Amino acid sequence: GDNLCKDIYLRDKMDEQGWVPISVIAAFNRVSGFGIFNISSLWSEVPLLM
């Protein structure tokens, strides 16, 4: 939690409820470097939260 308080980039990307789009997370070098993170396939695996 302490890092998030100081992370201006992520705080800027958050919506009103504090959520960050998965596309923002997927763009991180450490995440995209896995080579297995495919957003389009993720949508079929994760139920839509409303």
C-alpha atoms as a PDB file:
ATOM      1  CA  GLY A   1       0.000   0.000   0.000  1.00  0.00           C
ATOM      2  CA  ASP A   2       2.782   2.459   0.754  1.00  0.00           C
ATOM      3  CA  ASN A   3       4.225   2.179  -2.763  1.00  0.00           C
ATOM      4  CA  LEU A   4       0.841   2.858  -4.309  1.00  0.00           C
ATOM      5  CA  CYS A   5       0.503   6.068  -2.313  1.00  0.00           C
ATOM      6  CA  LYS A   6       3.666   7.330  -4.013  1.00  0.00           C
ATOM      7  CA  ASP A   7       2.971   5.892  -7.482  1.00  0.00           C
ATOM      8  CA  ILE A   8       1.690   8.895  -9.412  1.00  0.00           C
ATOM      9  CA  TYR A   9       1.467   6.954 -12.692  1.00  0.00           C
ATOM     10  CA  LEU A  10      -0.850   4.238 -11.351  1.00  0.00           C
ATOM     11  CA  ARG A  11      -2.920   6.677  -9.339  1.00  0.00           C
ATOM     12  CA  ASP A  12      -3.422   8.714 -12.508  1.00  0.00           C
ATOM     13  CA  LYS A  13      -4.688   5.604 -14.347  1.00  0.00           C
ATOM     14  CA  MET A  14      -7.201   4.630 -11.631  1.00  0.00           C
ATOM     15  CA  ASP A  15     -10.915   5.125 -12.101  1.00  0.00           C
ATOM     16  CA  GLU A  16     -13.236   6.556  -9.441  1.00  0.00           C
ATOM     17  CA  GLN A  17     -13.354   3.202  -7.634  1.00  0.00           C
ATOM     18  CA  GLY A  18      -9.579   2.691  -7.591  1.00  0.00           C
ATOM     19  CA  TRP A  19      -9.398   0.168 -10.448  1.00  0.00           C
ATOM     20  CA  VAL A  20      -6.593   0.224 -13.023  1.00  0.00           C
ATOM     21  CA  PRO A  21      -7.336  -1.080 -16.544  1.00  0.00           C
ATOM     22  CA  ILE A  22      -5.802  -4.489 -17.279  1.00  0.00           C
ATOM     23  CA  SER A  23      -4.227  -2.975 -20.404  1.00  0.00           C
ATOM     24  CA  VAL A  24      -2.128  -0.690 -18.174  1.00  0.00           C
ATOM     25  CA  ILE A  25      -0.890  -3.652 -16.130  1.00  0.00           C
ATOM     26  CA  ALA A  26      -0.245  -5.703 -19.279  1.00  0.00           C
ATOM     27  CA  ALA A  27       1.964  -2.929 -20.659  1.00  0.00           C
ATOM     28  CA  PHE A  28       4.453  -3.193 -17.778  1.00  0.00           C
ATOM     29  CA  ASN A  29       7.768  -4.651 -18.978  1.00  0.00           C
ATOM     30  CA  ARG A  30       7.815  -7.385 -16.344  1.00  0.00           C
ATOM     31  CA  VAL A  31       4.309  -8.506 -17.280  1.00  0.00           C
ATOM     32  CA  SER A  32       4.672  -8.241 -21.056  1.00  0.00           C
ATOM     33  CA  GLY A  33       8.034 -10.023 -20.814  1.00  0.00           C
ATOM     34  CA  PHE A  34       6.280 -13.210 -19.756  1.00  0.00           C
ATOM     35  CA  GLY A  35       4.973 -13.539 -23.303  1.00  0.00           C
ATOM     36  CA  ILE A  36       1.896 -15.345 -22.066  1.00  0.00           C
ATOM     37  CA  PHE A  37      -0.232 -12.360 -21.187  1.00  0.00           C
ATOM     38  CA  ASN A  38      -2.820 -12.065 -23.909  1.00  0.00           C
ATOM     39  CA  ILE A  39      -5.576  -9.612 -23.066  1.00  0.00           C
ATOM     40  CA  SER A  40      -8.027 -10.982 -25.626  1.00  0.00           C
ATOM     41  CA  SER A  41      -7.822 -14.483 -24.156  1.00  0.00           C
ATOM     42  CA  LEU A  42      -8.085 -13.066 -20.650  1.00  0.00           C
ATOM     43  CA  TRP A  43     -11.543 -11.673 -21.362  1.00  0.00           C
ATOM     44  CA  SER A  44     -12.849 -15.174 -21.967  1.00  0.00           C
ATOM     45  CA  GLU A  45     -11.373 -16.393 -18.663  1.00  0.00           C
ATOM     46  CA  VAL A  46     -12.405 -13.583 -16.325  1.00  0.00           C
ATOM     47  CA  PRO A  47     -16.085 -12.826 -15.709  1.00  0.00           C
ATOM     48  CA  LEU A  48     -17.136  -9.242 -16.258  1.00  0.00           C
ATOM     49  CA  LEU A  49     -17.555  -7.430 -12.957  1.00  0.00           C
ATOM     50  CA  MET A  50     -20.258  -4.803 -12.751  1.00  0.00           C
END
